[in-house]
Structure formats: C-alpha cells, structure tokens
Amino acid sequence: MTLIIPILAIIAMFMLVMGLANLVTGKRRTERERIARRLGTLHGAKGDTRGVDLERKLTLSDMPWLDDLLAAQAWTRRMALILEQGQVKTTLGMLVLTSVMAGALCLMAMALFSSNVFLLVVPPLAVAYVPFMLVFRKRARRMARFQRQLPDALDLVGRALRAGHAFNQGMRMVADEFEDPIGPEFQKVLDEINYGVPADTALINLVRRVDCPDLKFFVVSVNIQRETGGNLAEIVTGIARLIRERFKLAGRVRVLSAEGRLTAWILLALPFGIGIIINMLNPDFMSVLYETPEGNLLMTGSLFQMTIGAIALKRMTTIRV
C-alpha cells in the first residue's frame, strides 16, 4: 500500500501534464490551421491550380502518438460519432485523458482512506465514466431535440412541395428557419449535394449522423419515391402525422409507467437514507459495516445486489414505443 500512493501520484501527474500539453498544442494547431486556410485562400485567388483534397479527415487527438493509438482501436470511430452527434467541442483524446486522470485521482483518494478492494475499484471506475456519461447525456438531449423538431420540419417541406418548390428548396427552408440541431444538419445535407454528392447518399449520411428512427422512415421514403415516383408531399406530411401520433402514445406510456419509476427510485434510495439516519443516531452500530472485514464483505455484496436490482428495475420501467 505504501508503494501504491507514489505510483498513483506519478500517473496522475503524468496525465495532468499530458492533458495540459494537449490543450496547448491544440490551440497552437488551431492557429496554424487558421493561418494555413487563409494562405490557401490567397493562393486560390492567385489562380493556383493544384488539387484540393476534399476528403474528410478524422482526428481523434491533437497529439500524434495518441491519435495513432486511438485510431488503432475498434471503438473509437463509434465514440467519435457520438461526440459529433452531441456537438461536443473536444477531441476523443482529450476525453480519454480526462477520464483516466479523474479515475486515477479518485483511486488515490480511496487508497488514502480504505483498503477495501470494492472501494478501490468501483468508485474510480464510476468517476472515470463520468466524462463519457456527460457526453452521452448531451448527445441524448440533442437527439431528443432533433426528434421534437422533425414533425414541424417535415410539415414545412410538405407545404413547400405543395407550393411548387423543389425538394432541395424545401430542405433549404428548414435549414434557414430551424435552430440547432435540425437546421444545421439539413444544411450539411445541402452542402454535400452542392459538392456533388448524390442526394440519396447525402440523406443516408444524415441518418448516420443523427440517431433518430423516425428520420430513417423519411429518408427511406424519399429515396424510394425518387426511384418509383409518387406524391412526395403527401408522403412527407403522412410521416409527420405518424411521428406526432407516436409522441402522443409515448406520453401516455410514460404517464402509466410513472408509478413504477417512482417505486424504483424509492427502493434504491431507501437503504442509503436509512443507513445515514442510523449512522447519525448511533454511529457505533453502523461502524461495524465499514470497520470490520465481515462488514465490508456484507456492504460490498449489498451494493452489488442493489446494482443488479437497479438494472432490472430500469429495464422493467423502460417501454419503447
């Protein structure tokens, strides 16, 4: 135990230095890229006919060695897509460094107060997961906001088609009239079409960027209509109506399952609340749990079983519509 604390301190300091270096090099690289873009614009204005690479490059970190390390992993592309969907203004490398540093600091703190294996493993892992959890929550909020905007956007596209406008012009109206996230996402589709990407491919890229099942219905319907024909305005309006009806059904389901979710929260909070109250009234009675090996074993087993119960209650009260 005496060797663990200095080793963890060295690891934490290393992660802190690397994180600060990532911030500094990231700012410098951003400045260099801005200067390079301006110089490229000047060269273009002077008639430079050299080829321009329009392929999108995926950068996972501003540090080359970390970028190469993350690029070799299978899960990094999925995580980079989640960062893009949540519009998180950081790189995956910075997120990983923050997670590792937070977990190492929590492990040092736990090692100072306890030698319980459960406390040395579970809290650091939970703290290390917090940056990723924040990213997931931001992404979920953005995708939910996109889904709420989608029926109104489709209605606008349908009205534009009935008025005689082209489909691209209807999407242009959505891009101009709606706020983030649906406005900028439709703008990306139009930009890809203007760069020469086929319309069906640009719409498929939109589905890849946005995790929304209702959007898939819209994209599939539009692509089928381009091949077989039909009244696109009626199709788009029908999809918007269907999405609104599904929202109503989801609201009813949420109301009916509210009692089960409240029961789950009470069952999870009750042991901790009773434990805090008993510890305040009679500290010697509760000290057996965290001062003796048997008590530590009982507390570890109880927390493990409560975790399993929380997962089961979550699955029971989550009803997908």
C-alpha atoms as a PDB file:
ATOM      1  CA  MET A   1       0.000   0.000   0.000  1.00  0.00           C
ATOM      2  CA  THR A   2       2.910   2.361   0.672  1.00  0.00           C
ATOM      3  CA  LEU A   3       4.095   1.959  -2.923  1.00  0.00           C
ATOM      4  CA  ILE A   4       0.667   2.384  -4.478  1.00  0.00           C
ATOM      5  CA  ILE A   5       0.236   6.032  -3.462  1.00  0.00           C
ATOM      6  CA  PRO A   6       3.513   7.321  -5.038  1.00  0.00           C
ATOM      7  CA  ILE A   7       2.851   5.309  -8.204  1.00  0.00           C
ATOM      8  CA  LEU A   8      -0.679   6.702  -8.491  1.00  0.00           C
ATOM      9  CA  ALA A   9       0.635  10.202  -7.821  1.00  0.00           C
ATOM     10  CA  ILE A  10       3.144   9.831 -10.667  1.00  0.00           C
ATOM     11  CA  ILE A  11       0.429   8.527 -13.010  1.00  0.00           C
ATOM     12  CA  ALA A  12      -1.920  11.366 -12.080  1.00  0.00           C
ATOM     13  CA  MET A  13       0.776  13.993 -12.600  1.00  0.00           C
ATOM     14  CA  PHE A  14       1.656  12.435 -15.956  1.00  0.00           C
ATOM     15  CA  MET A  15      -1.971  12.554 -17.067  1.00  0.00           C
ATOM     16  CA  LEU A  16      -2.298  16.152 -15.858  1.00  0.00           C
ATOM     17  CA  VAL A  17       0.809  17.222 -17.789  1.00  0.00           C
ATOM     18  CA  MET A  18      -0.366  15.396 -20.919  1.00  0.00           C
ATOM     19  CA  GLY A  19      -3.804  16.999 -20.652  1.00  0.00           C
ATOM     20  CA  LEU A  20      -2.314  20.474 -20.345  1.00  0.00           C
ATOM     21  CA  ALA A  21       0.025  19.727 -23.243  1.00  0.00           C
ATOM     22  CA  ASN A  22      -2.964  18.599 -25.286  1.00  0.00           C
ATOM     23  CA  LEU A  23      -4.712  21.905 -24.608  1.00  0.00           C
ATOM     24  CA  VAL A  24      -1.646  23.972 -25.517  1.00  0.00           C
ATOM     25  CA  THR A  25      -0.809  22.021 -28.683  1.00  0.00           C
ATOM     26  CA  GLY A  26      -4.471  22.020 -29.676  1.00  0.00           C
ATOM     27  CA  LYS A  27      -4.628  25.820 -29.530  1.00  0.00           C
ATOM     28  CA  ARG A  28      -1.380  26.139 -31.472  1.00  0.00           C
ATOM     29  CA  ARG A  29      -2.557  23.668 -34.097  1.00  0.00           C
ATOM     30  CA  THR A  30      -5.862  25.517 -34.438  1.00  0.00           C
ATOM     31  CA  GLU A  31      -3.937  28.748 -35.014  1.00  0.00           C
ATOM     32  CA  ARG A  32      -1.715  27.059 -37.619  1.00  0.00           C
ATOM     33  CA  GLU A  33      -4.730  25.609 -39.387  1.00  0.00           C
ATOM     34  CA  ARG A  34      -6.399  29.018 -39.471  1.00  0.00           C
ATOM     35  CA  ILE A  35      -3.278  30.580 -40.988  1.00  0.00           C
ATOM     36  CA  ALA A  36      -2.988  27.717 -43.486  1.00  0.00           C
ATOM     37  CA  ARG A  37      -6.605  28.208 -44.571  1.00  0.00           C
ATOM     38  CA  ARG A  38      -6.053  31.915 -45.134  1.00  0.00           C
ATOM     39  CA  LEU A  39      -2.886  31.259 -47.119  1.00  0.00           C
ATOM     40  CA  GLY A  40      -4.741  28.622 -49.132  1.00  0.00           C
ATOM     41  CA  THR A  41      -7.444  31.165 -49.908  1.00  0.00           C
ATOM     42  CA  LEU A  42      -4.816  33.650 -51.108  1.00  0.00           C
ATOM     43  CA  HIS A  43      -3.209  31.004 -53.311  1.00  0.00           C
ATOM     44  CA  GLY A  44      -6.599  30.190 -54.778  1.00  0.00           C
ATOM     45  CA  ALA A  45      -7.246  33.838 -55.521  1.00  0.00           C
ATOM     46  CA  LYS A  46      -3.950  33.980 -57.446  1.00  0.00           C
ATOM     47  CA  GLY A  47      -5.037  31.160 -59.732  1.00  0.00           C
ATOM     48  CA  ASP A  48      -3.274  28.242 -58.068  1.00  0.00           C
ATOM     49  CA  THR A  49      -4.497  25.145 -59.929  1.00  0.00           C
ATOM     50  CA  ARG A  50      -3.107  22.499 -57.565  1.00  0.00           C
ATOM     51  CA  GLY A  51      -5.529  19.776 -56.496  1.00  0.00           C
ATOM     52  CA  VAL A  52      -7.504  20.240 -53.313  1.00  0.00           C
ATOM     53  CA  ASP A  53      -8.236  17.288 -51.046  1.00  0.00           C
ATOM     54  CA  LEU A  54     -11.914  17.397 -50.093  1.00  0.00           C
ATOM     55  CA  GLU A  55     -11.867  14.119 -48.175  1.00  0.00           C
ATOM     56  CA  ARG A  56     -12.890  14.484 -44.547  1.00  0.00           C
ATOM     57  CA  LYS A  57     -10.133  13.536 -42.105  1.00  0.00           C
ATOM     58  CA  LEU A  58     -10.987  12.035 -38.706  1.00  0.00           C
ATOM     59  CA  THR A  59      -8.727  13.470 -35.998  1.00  0.00           C
ATOM     60  CA  LEU A  60      -9.082  11.773 -32.624  1.00  0.00           C
ATOM     61  CA  SER A  61      -6.423  13.788 -30.785  1.00  0.00           C
ATOM     62  CA  ASP A  62      -4.152  16.779 -31.305  1.00  0.00           C
ATOM     63  CA  MET A  63      -1.185  14.688 -30.154  1.00  0.00           C
ATOM     64  CA  PRO A  64       0.044  12.430 -32.977  1.00  0.00           C
ATOM     65  CA  TRP A  65       1.019   9.492 -30.760  1.00  0.00           C
ATOM     66  CA  LEU A  66      -2.364   9.463 -29.017  1.00  0.00           C
ATOM     67  CA  ASP A  67      -4.168   9.877 -32.322  1.00  0.00           C
ATOM     68  CA  ASP A  68      -2.356   6.829 -33.721  1.00  0.00           C
ATOM     69  CA  LEU A  69      -3.101   4.841 -30.560  1.00  0.00           C
ATOM     70  CA  LEU A  70      -6.812   5.644 -30.632  1.00  0.00           C
ATOM     71  CA  ALA A  71      -7.096   5.103 -34.382  1.00  0.00           C
ATOM     72  CA  ALA A  72      -5.947   1.513 -33.900  1.00  0.00           C
ATOM     73  CA  GLN A  73      -8.901   0.798 -31.577  1.00  0.00           C
ATOM     74  CA  ALA A  74     -12.229  -0.503 -32.877  1.00  0.00           C
ATOM     75  CA  TRP A  75     -14.469   1.522 -30.535  1.00  0.00           C
ATOM     76  CA  THR A  76     -13.013   4.965 -31.271  1.00  0.00           C
ATOM     77  CA  ARG A  77     -14.941   5.582 -34.515  1.00  0.00           C
ATOM     78  CA  ARG A  78     -18.235   4.890 -32.761  1.00  0.00           C
ATOM     79  CA  MET A  79     -17.237   7.195 -29.911  1.00  0.00           C
ATOM     80  CA  ALA A  80     -16.129   9.908 -32.352  1.00  0.00           C
ATOM     81  CA  LEU A  81     -19.571   9.684 -33.989  1.00  0.00           C
ATOM     82  CA  ILE A  82     -21.209  10.113 -30.579  1.00  0.00           C
ATOM     83  CA  LEU A  83     -19.088  13.231 -29.976  1.00  0.00           C
ATOM     84  CA  GLU A  84     -20.211  14.570 -33.354  1.00  0.00           C
ATOM     85  CA  GLN A  85     -23.867  13.787 -32.635  1.00  0.00           C
ATOM     86  CA  GLY A  86     -23.651  15.586 -29.302  1.00  0.00           C
ATOM     87  CA  GLN A  87     -21.689  18.515 -30.777  1.00  0.00           C
ATOM     88  CA  VAL A  88     -19.102  18.153 -28.005  1.00  0.00           C
ATOM     89  CA  LYS A  89     -16.316  20.657 -28.589  1.00  0.00           C
ATOM     90  CA  THR A  90     -13.439  18.411 -27.615  1.00  0.00           C
ATOM     91  CA  THR A  91     -11.423  15.601 -29.112  1.00  0.00           C
ATOM     92  CA  LEU A  92     -11.719  11.959 -28.151  1.00  0.00           C
ATOM     93  CA  GLY A  93      -8.110  12.016 -26.938  1.00  0.00           C
ATOM     94  CA  MET A  94      -8.856  14.840 -24.516  1.00  0.00           C
ATOM     95  CA  LEU A  95     -11.919  12.974 -23.274  1.00  0.00           C
ATOM     96  CA  VAL A  96      -9.912   9.806 -22.656  1.00  0.00           C
ATOM     97  CA  LEU A  97      -7.151  11.706 -20.842  1.00  0.00           C
ATOM     98  CA  THR A  98      -9.714  13.454 -18.635  1.00  0.00           C
ATOM     99  CA  SER A  99     -11.364  10.130 -17.813  1.00  0.00           C
ATOM    100  CA  VAL A 100      -8.083   8.406 -16.945  1.00  0.00           C
ATOM    101  CA  MET A 101      -6.881  11.340 -14.832  1.00  0.00           C
ATOM    102  CA  ALA A 102     -10.181  11.547 -12.914  1.00  0.00           C
ATOM    103  CA  GLY A 103     -10.134   7.803 -12.236  1.00  0.00           C
ATOM    104  CA  ALA A 104      -6.508   7.934 -11.052  1.00  0.00           C
ATOM    105  CA  LEU A 105      -7.203  10.821  -8.666  1.00  0.00           C
ATOM    106  CA  CYS A 106     -10.229   9.017  -7.257  1.00  0.00           C
ATOM    107  CA  LEU A 107      -8.148   5.863  -6.797  1.00  0.00           C
ATOM    108  CA  MET A 108      -5.543   7.863  -4.854  1.00  0.00           C
ATOM    109  CA  ALA A 109      -8.246   9.324  -2.617  1.00  0.00           C
ATOM    110  CA  MET A 110      -9.784   5.904  -1.962  1.00  0.00           C
ATOM    111  CA  ALA A 111      -6.355   4.389  -1.193  1.00  0.00           C
ATOM    112  CA  LEU A 112      -5.771   7.027   1.493  1.00  0.00           C
ATOM    113  CA  PHE A 113      -8.947   6.159   3.418  1.00  0.00           C
ATOM    114  CA  SER A 114      -9.609   2.481   2.802  1.00  0.00           C
ATOM    115  CA  SER A 115      -8.022  -0.777   1.700  1.00  0.00           C
ATOM    116  CA  ASN A 116     -11.316  -2.363   0.648  1.00  0.00           C
ATOM    117  CA  VAL A 117     -10.981  -3.842  -2.841  1.00  0.00           C
ATOM    118  CA  PHE A 118     -14.528  -2.789  -3.727  1.00  0.00           C
ATOM    119  CA  LEU A 119     -13.829   0.853  -2.823  1.00  0.00           C
ATOM    120  CA  LEU A 120     -10.514   0.749  -4.717  1.00  0.00           C
ATOM    121  CA  VAL A 121     -12.182  -0.500  -7.909  1.00  0.00           C
ATOM    122  CA  VAL A 122     -15.801   0.639  -8.210  1.00  0.00           C
ATOM    123  CA  PRO A 123     -15.625   4.381  -7.279  1.00  0.00           C
ATOM    124  CA  PRO A 124     -12.592   5.081  -9.558  1.00  0.00           C
ATOM    125  CA  LEU A 125     -14.319   3.306 -12.433  1.00  0.00           C
ATOM    126  CA  ALA A 126     -17.502   5.282 -11.780  1.00  0.00           C
ATOM    127  CA  VAL A 127     -15.598   8.592 -11.666  1.00  0.00           C
ATOM    128  CA  ALA A 128     -13.700   7.681 -14.848  1.00  0.00           C
ATOM    129  CA  TYR A 129     -17.033   7.026 -16.560  1.00  0.00           C
ATOM    130  CA  VAL A 130     -18.440  10.465 -15.637  1.00  0.00           C
ATOM    131  CA  PRO A 131     -16.924  12.361 -18.667  1.00  0.00           C
ATOM    132  CA  PHE A 132     -18.355   9.760 -21.029  1.00  0.00           C
ATOM    133  CA  MET A 133     -21.705   9.900 -19.214  1.00  0.00           C
ATOM    134  CA  LEU A 134     -21.850  13.677 -19.711  1.00  0.00           C
ATOM    135  CA  VAL A 135     -21.156  13.193 -23.415  1.00  0.00           C
ATOM    136  CA  PHE A 136     -23.907  10.570 -23.685  1.00  0.00           C
ATOM    137  CA  ARG A 137     -26.374  12.828 -21.896  1.00  0.00           C
ATOM    138  CA  LYS A 138     -25.584  15.799 -24.129  1.00  0.00           C
ATOM    139  CA  ARG A 139     -25.938  13.614 -27.200  1.00  0.00           C
ATOM    140  CA  ALA A 140     -29.263  12.208 -25.938  1.00  0.00           C
ATOM    141  CA  ARG A 141     -30.626  15.717 -25.299  1.00  0.00           C
ATOM    142  CA  ARG A 142     -29.597  16.876 -28.774  1.00  0.00           C
ATOM    143  CA  MET A 143     -31.119  13.828 -30.461  1.00  0.00           C
ATOM    144  CA  ALA A 144     -34.347  14.271 -28.466  1.00  0.00           C
ATOM    145  CA  ARG A 145     -34.497  17.930 -29.536  1.00  0.00           C
ATOM    146  CA  PHE A 146     -33.971  16.854 -33.162  1.00  0.00           C
ATOM    147  CA  GLN A 147     -36.836  14.379 -32.866  1.00  0.00           C
ATOM    148  CA  ARG A 148     -39.148  17.049 -31.449  1.00  0.00           C
ATOM    149  CA  GLN A 149     -38.297  19.397 -34.335  1.00  0.00           C
ATOM    150  CA  LEU A 150     -38.699  16.755 -37.039  1.00  0.00           C
ATOM    151  CA  PRO A 151     -42.538  16.823 -37.449  1.00  0.00           C
ATOM    152  CA  ASP A 152     -42.597  20.614 -37.901  1.00  0.00           C
ATOM    153  CA  ALA A 153     -39.684  20.420 -40.328  1.00  0.00           C
ATOM    154  CA  LEU A 154     -41.407  17.741 -42.401  1.00  0.00           C
ATOM    155  CA  ASP A 155     -44.607  19.785 -42.449  1.00  0.00           C
ATOM    156  CA  LEU A 156     -42.608  22.724 -43.802  1.00  0.00           C
ATOM    157  CA  VAL A 157     -41.082  20.511 -46.515  1.00  0.00           C
ATOM    158  CA  GLY A 158     -44.547  19.195 -47.408  1.00  0.00           C
ATOM    159  CA  ARG A 159     -46.006  22.697 -47.686  1.00  0.00           C
ATOM    160  CA  ALA A 160     -43.071  23.784 -49.830  1.00  0.00           C
ATOM    161  CA  LEU A 161     -43.647  20.834 -52.186  1.00  0.00           C
ATOM    162  CA  ARG A 162     -47.369  21.647 -52.452  1.00  0.00           C
ATOM    163  CA  ALA A 163     -46.467  25.244 -53.294  1.00  0.00           C
ATOM    164  CA  GLY A 164     -44.439  24.007 -56.258  1.00  0.00           C
ATOM    165  CA  HIS A 165     -40.924  24.214 -54.833  1.00  0.00           C
ATOM    166  CA  ALA A 166     -38.321  21.515 -55.376  1.00  0.00           C
ATOM    167  CA  PHE A 167     -37.404  19.099 -52.607  1.00  0.00           C
ATOM    168  CA  ASN A 168     -33.986  20.738 -52.144  1.00  0.00           C
ATOM    169  CA  GLN A 169     -35.663  24.111 -51.780  1.00  0.00           C
ATOM    170  CA  GLY A 170     -37.897  22.705 -49.049  1.00  0.00           C
ATOM    171  CA  MET A 171     -34.824  21.447 -47.217  1.00  0.00           C
ATOM    172  CA  ARG A 172     -33.264  24.881 -47.670  1.00  0.00           C
ATOM    173  CA  MET A 173     -36.266  26.420 -45.895  1.00  0.00           C
ATOM    174  CA  VAL A 174     -35.780  24.016 -42.979  1.00  0.00           C
ATOM    175  CA  ALA A 175     -32.072  24.871 -42.808  1.00  0.00           C
ATOM    176  CA  ASP A 176     -32.850  28.601 -42.740  1.00  0.00           C
ATOM    177  CA  GLU A 177     -35.852  28.589 -40.410  1.00  0.00           C
ATOM    178  CA  PHE A 178     -34.975  26.000 -37.762  1.00  0.00           C
ATOM    179  CA  GLU A 179     -32.429  26.185 -34.983  1.00  0.00           C
ATOM    180  CA  ASP A 180     -29.906  23.573 -33.927  1.00  0.00           C
ATOM    181  CA  PRO A 181     -29.884  20.635 -34.354  1.00  0.00           C
ATOM    182  CA  ILE A 182     -32.188  20.092 -37.332  1.00  0.00           C
ATOM    183  CA  GLY A 183     -31.317  23.312 -39.168  1.00  0.00           C
ATOM    184  CA  PRO A 184     -27.525  22.764 -39.257  1.00  0.00           C
ATOM    185  CA  GLU A 185     -27.977  19.058 -40.055  1.00  0.00           C
ATOM    186  CA  PHE A 186     -30.135  19.810 -43.086  1.00  0.00           C
ATOM    187  CA  GLN A 187     -27.601  22.464 -44.083  1.00  0.00           C
ATOM    188  CA  LYS A 188     -24.896  19.783 -44.101  1.00  0.00           C
ATOM    189  CA  VAL A 189     -27.049  17.702 -46.453  1.00  0.00           C
ATOM    190  CA  LEU A 190     -27.408  20.637 -48.834  1.00  0.00           C
ATOM    191  CA  ASP A 191     -23.674  21.356 -48.676  1.00  0.00           C
ATOM    192  CA  GLU A 192     -22.880  17.743 -49.576  1.00  0.00           C
ATOM    193  CA  ILE A 193     -25.308  17.900 -52.524  1.00  0.00           C
ATOM    194  CA  ASN A 194     -23.704  21.146 -53.700  1.00  0.00           C
ATOM    195  CA  TYR A 195     -20.267  19.472 -53.552  1.00  0.00           C
ATOM    196  CA  GLY A 196     -21.516  16.764 -55.910  1.00  0.00           C
ATOM    197  CA  VAL A 197     -22.643  14.036 -53.511  1.00  0.00           C
ATOM    198  CA  PRO A 198     -25.807  12.271 -54.779  1.00  0.00           C
ATOM    199  CA  ALA A 199     -28.949  13.282 -52.912  1.00  0.00           C
ATOM    200  CA  ASP A 200     -29.713   9.766 -51.685  1.00  0.00           C
ATOM    201  CA  THR A 201     -26.156   9.380 -50.357  1.00  0.00           C
ATOM    202  CA  ALA A 202     -26.353  12.763 -48.593  1.00  0.00           C
ATOM    203  CA  LEU A 203     -29.593  11.705 -46.904  1.00  0.00           C
ATOM    204  CA  ILE A 204     -28.046   8.402 -45.824  1.00  0.00           C
ATOM    205  CA  ASN A 205     -25.153  10.371 -44.323  1.00  0.00           C
ATOM    206  CA  LEU A 206     -27.743  12.395 -42.410  1.00  0.00           C
ATOM    207  CA  VAL A 207     -29.155   9.171 -40.941  1.00  0.00           C
ATOM    208  CA  ARG A 208     -25.629   8.148 -39.946  1.00  0.00           C
ATOM    209  CA  ARG A 209     -25.013  11.453 -38.161  1.00  0.00           C
ATOM    210  CA  VAL A 210     -28.387  11.568 -36.385  1.00  0.00           C
ATOM    211  CA  ASP A 211     -29.666   8.742 -34.195  1.00  0.00           C
ATOM    212  CA  CYS A 212     -33.391   9.134 -34.898  1.00  0.00           C
ATOM    213  CA  PRO A 213     -35.568   6.179 -36.021  1.00  0.00           C
ATOM    214  CA  ASP A 214     -38.265   8.487 -37.438  1.00  0.00           C
ATOM    215  CA  LEU A 215     -35.688  10.149 -39.679  1.00  0.00           C
ATOM    216  CA  LYS A 216     -34.929   6.758 -41.241  1.00  0.00           C
ATOM    217  CA  PHE A 217     -38.574   6.459 -42.348  1.00  0.00           C
ATOM    218  CA  PHE A 218     -38.323   9.863 -44.003  1.00  0.00           C
ATOM    219  CA  VAL A 219     -35.055   9.108 -45.803  1.00  0.00           C
ATOM    220  CA  VAL A 220     -36.178   5.661 -46.986  1.00  0.00           C
ATOM    221  CA  SER A 221     -39.486   7.101 -48.238  1.00  0.00           C
ATOM    222  CA  VAL A 222     -37.750   9.903 -50.144  1.00  0.00           C
ATOM    223  CA  ASN A 223     -35.232   7.528 -51.749  1.00  0.00           C
ATOM    224  CA  ILE A 224     -37.983   5.093 -52.776  1.00  0.00           C
ATOM    225  CA  GLN A 225     -40.070   7.936 -54.186  1.00  0.00           C
ATOM    226  CA  ARG A 226     -37.120   9.074 -56.300  1.00  0.00           C
ATOM    227  CA  GLU A 227     -36.974   5.614 -57.905  1.00  0.00           C
ATOM    228  CA  THR A 228     -40.684   4.746 -58.195  1.00  0.00           C
ATOM    229  CA  GLY A 229     -42.428   8.125 -58.215  1.00  0.00           C
ATOM    230  CA  GLY A 230     -45.451   9.235 -56.221  1.00  0.00           C
ATOM    231  CA  ASN A 231     -46.789  12.195 -54.297  1.00  0.00           C
ATOM    232  CA  LEU A 232     -43.817  13.178 -52.153  1.00  0.00           C
ATOM    233  CA  ALA A 233     -45.726  15.983 -50.399  1.00  0.00           C
ATOM    234  CA  GLU A 234     -48.363  13.510 -49.209  1.00  0.00           C
ATOM    235  CA  ILE A 235     -45.681  11.047 -48.081  1.00  0.00           C
ATOM    236  CA  VAL A 236     -43.786  13.660 -46.062  1.00  0.00           C
ATOM    237  CA  THR A 237     -46.961  15.003 -44.446  1.00  0.00           C
ATOM    238  CA  GLY A 238     -48.067  11.465 -43.564  1.00  0.00           C
ATOM    239  CA  ILE A 239     -44.740  10.749 -41.870  1.00  0.00           C
ATOM    240  CA  ALA A 240     -45.042  13.967 -39.834  1.00  0.00           C
ATOM    241  CA  ARG A 241     -48.554  12.949 -38.741  1.00  0.00           C
ATOM    242  CA  LEU A 242     -47.331   9.471 -37.806  1.00  0.00           C
ATOM    243  CA  ILE A 243     -44.481  10.916 -35.693  1.00  0.00           C
ATOM    244  CA  ARG A 244     -46.903  13.157 -33.782  1.00  0.00           C
ATOM    245  CA  GLU A 245     -49.196  10.210 -33.043  1.00  0.00           C
ATOM    246  CA  ARG A 246     -46.232   8.245 -31.769  1.00  0.00           C
ATOM    247  CA  PHE A 247     -45.315  11.143 -29.477  1.00  0.00           C
ATOM    248  CA  LYS A 248     -48.835  11.038 -28.021  1.00  0.00           C
ATOM    249  CA  LEU A 249     -48.609   7.285 -27.428  1.00  0.00           C
ATOM    250  CA  ALA A 250     -45.178   7.679 -25.809  1.00  0.00           C
ATOM    251  CA  GLY A 251     -46.610  10.338 -23.476  1.00  0.00           C
ATOM    252  CA  ARG A 252     -49.430   8.007 -22.390  1.00  0.00           C
ATOM    253  CA  VAL A 253     -46.953   5.182 -21.762  1.00  0.00           C
ATOM    254  CA  ARG A 254     -44.744   7.493 -19.721  1.00  0.00           C
ATOM    255  CA  VAL A 255     -47.688   8.538 -17.542  1.00  0.00           C
ATOM    256  CA  LEU A 256     -48.771   4.921 -16.975  1.00  0.00           C
ATOM    257  CA  SER A 257     -45.226   3.847 -16.042  1.00  0.00           C
ATOM    258  CA  ALA A 258     -44.605   6.806 -13.709  1.00  0.00           C
ATOM    259  CA  GLU A 259     -45.671   4.803 -10.637  1.00  0.00           C
ATOM    260  CA  GLY A 260     -43.172   2.029 -11.413  1.00  0.00           C
ATOM    261  CA  ARG A 261     -40.339   4.516 -11.914  1.00  0.00           C
ATOM    262  CA  LEU A 262     -41.165   6.289  -8.647  1.00  0.00           C
ATOM    263  CA  THR A 263     -41.195   2.944  -6.836  1.00  0.00           C
ATOM    264  CA  ALA A 264     -37.789   2.113  -8.297  1.00  0.00           C
ATOM    265  CA  TRP A 265     -36.295   5.412  -7.049  1.00  0.00           C
ATOM    266  CA  ILE A 266     -37.747   4.872  -3.560  1.00  0.00           C
ATOM    267  CA  LEU A 267     -36.424   1.305  -3.332  1.00  0.00           C
ATOM    268  CA  LEU A 268     -32.952   2.458  -4.402  1.00  0.00           C
ATOM    269  CA  ALA A 269     -32.829   5.466  -2.060  1.00  0.00           C
ATOM    270  CA  LEU A 270     -34.367   3.766   0.984  1.00  0.00           C
ATOM    271  CA  PRO A 271     -31.301   1.735   2.135  1.00  0.00           C
ATOM    272  CA  PHE A 272     -28.977   4.732   1.844  1.00  0.00           C
ATOM    273  CA  GLY A 273     -31.423   7.004   3.647  1.00  0.00           C
ATOM    274  CA  ILE A 274     -31.966   4.569   6.500  1.00  0.00           C
ATOM    275  CA  GLY A 275     -28.210   3.954   6.749  1.00  0.00           C
ATOM    276  CA  ILE A 276     -27.472   7.688   7.042  1.00  0.00           C
ATOM    277  CA  ILE A 277     -30.161   8.155   9.694  1.00  0.00           C
ATOM    278  CA  ILE A 278     -28.951   5.173  11.765  1.00  0.00           C
ATOM    279  CA  ASN A 279     -25.354   6.385  11.461  1.00  0.00           C
ATOM    280  CA  MET A 280     -26.388   9.804  12.789  1.00  0.00           C
ATOM    281  CA  LEU A 281     -28.344   8.318  15.714  1.00  0.00           C
ATOM    282  CA  ASN A 282     -25.942   5.501  16.632  1.00  0.00           C
ATOM    283  CA  PRO A 283     -22.548   5.700  14.884  1.00  0.00           C
ATOM    284  CA  ASP A 284     -21.140   2.694  16.776  1.00  0.00           C
ATOM    285  CA  PHE A 285     -23.894   0.458  15.434  1.00  0.00           C
ATOM    286  CA  MET A 286     -23.130   1.312  11.776  1.00  0.00           C
ATOM    287  CA  SER A 287     -19.342   1.394  12.159  1.00  0.00           C
ATOM    288  CA  VAL A 288     -19.254  -2.422  12.065  1.00  0.00           C
ATOM    289  CA  LEU A 289     -20.063  -2.298   8.335  1.00  0.00           C
ATOM    290  CA  TYR A 290     -17.024  -0.273   7.285  1.00  0.00           C
ATOM    291  CA  GLU A 291     -14.513  -1.076  10.067  1.00  0.00           C
ATOM    292  CA  THR A 292     -14.547  -4.884  10.032  1.00  0.00           C
ATOM    293  CA  PRO A 293     -13.768  -7.314   7.169  1.00  0.00           C
ATOM    294  CA  GLU A 294     -17.122  -9.031   7.609  1.00  0.00           C
ATOM    295  CA  GLY A 295     -18.937  -5.713   7.421  1.00  0.00           C
ATOM    296  CA  ASN A 296     -17.003  -4.721   4.299  1.00  0.00           C
ATOM    297  CA  LEU A 297     -17.953  -8.022   2.704  1.00  0.00           C
ATOM    298  CA  LEU A 298     -21.631  -7.513   3.562  1.00  0.00           C
ATOM    299  CA  MET A 299     -21.604  -3.941   2.255  1.00  0.00           C
ATOM    300  CA  THR A 300     -19.883  -4.993  -0.968  1.00  0.00           C
ATOM    301  CA  GLY A 301     -22.387  -7.773  -1.541  1.00  0.00           C
ATOM    302  CA  SER A 302     -25.312  -5.462  -0.794  1.00  0.00           C
ATOM    303  CA  LEU A 303     -24.110  -2.805  -3.220  1.00  0.00           C
ATOM    304  CA  PHE A 304     -23.562  -5.437  -5.904  1.00  0.00           C
ATOM    305  CA  GLN A 305     -27.080  -6.808  -5.449  1.00  0.00           C
ATOM    306  CA  MET A 306     -28.551  -3.300  -5.465  1.00  0.00           C
ATOM    307  CA  THR A 307     -26.781  -2.611  -8.752  1.00  0.00           C
ATOM    308  CA  ILE A 308     -28.339  -5.713 -10.281  1.00  0.00           C
ATOM    309  CA  GLY A 309     -31.735  -4.688  -8.909  1.00  0.00           C
ATOM    310  CA  ALA A 310     -31.369  -1.160 -10.317  1.00  0.00           C
ATOM    311  CA  ILE A 311     -30.614  -2.567 -13.775  1.00  0.00           C
ATOM    312  CA  ALA A 312     -33.633  -4.901 -13.556  1.00  0.00           C
ATOM    313  CA  LEU A 313     -35.950  -2.068 -12.447  1.00  0.00           C
ATOM    314  CA  LYS A 314     -34.636   0.153 -15.239  1.00  0.00           C
ATOM    315  CA  ARG A 315     -35.412  -2.494 -17.848  1.00  0.00           C
ATOM    316  CA  MET A 316     -38.868  -3.130 -16.365  1.00  0.00           C
ATOM    317  CA  THR A 317     -39.878   0.546 -16.368  1.00  0.00           C
ATOM    318  CA  THR A 318     -38.438   1.414 -19.798  1.00  0.00           C
ATOM    319  CA  ILE A 319     -41.051   0.849 -22.502  1.00  0.00           C
ATOM    320  CA  ARG A 320     -40.047   1.728 -26.043  1.00  0.00           C
ATOM    321  CA  VAL A 321     -42.743   2.947 -28.414  1.00  0.00           C
END
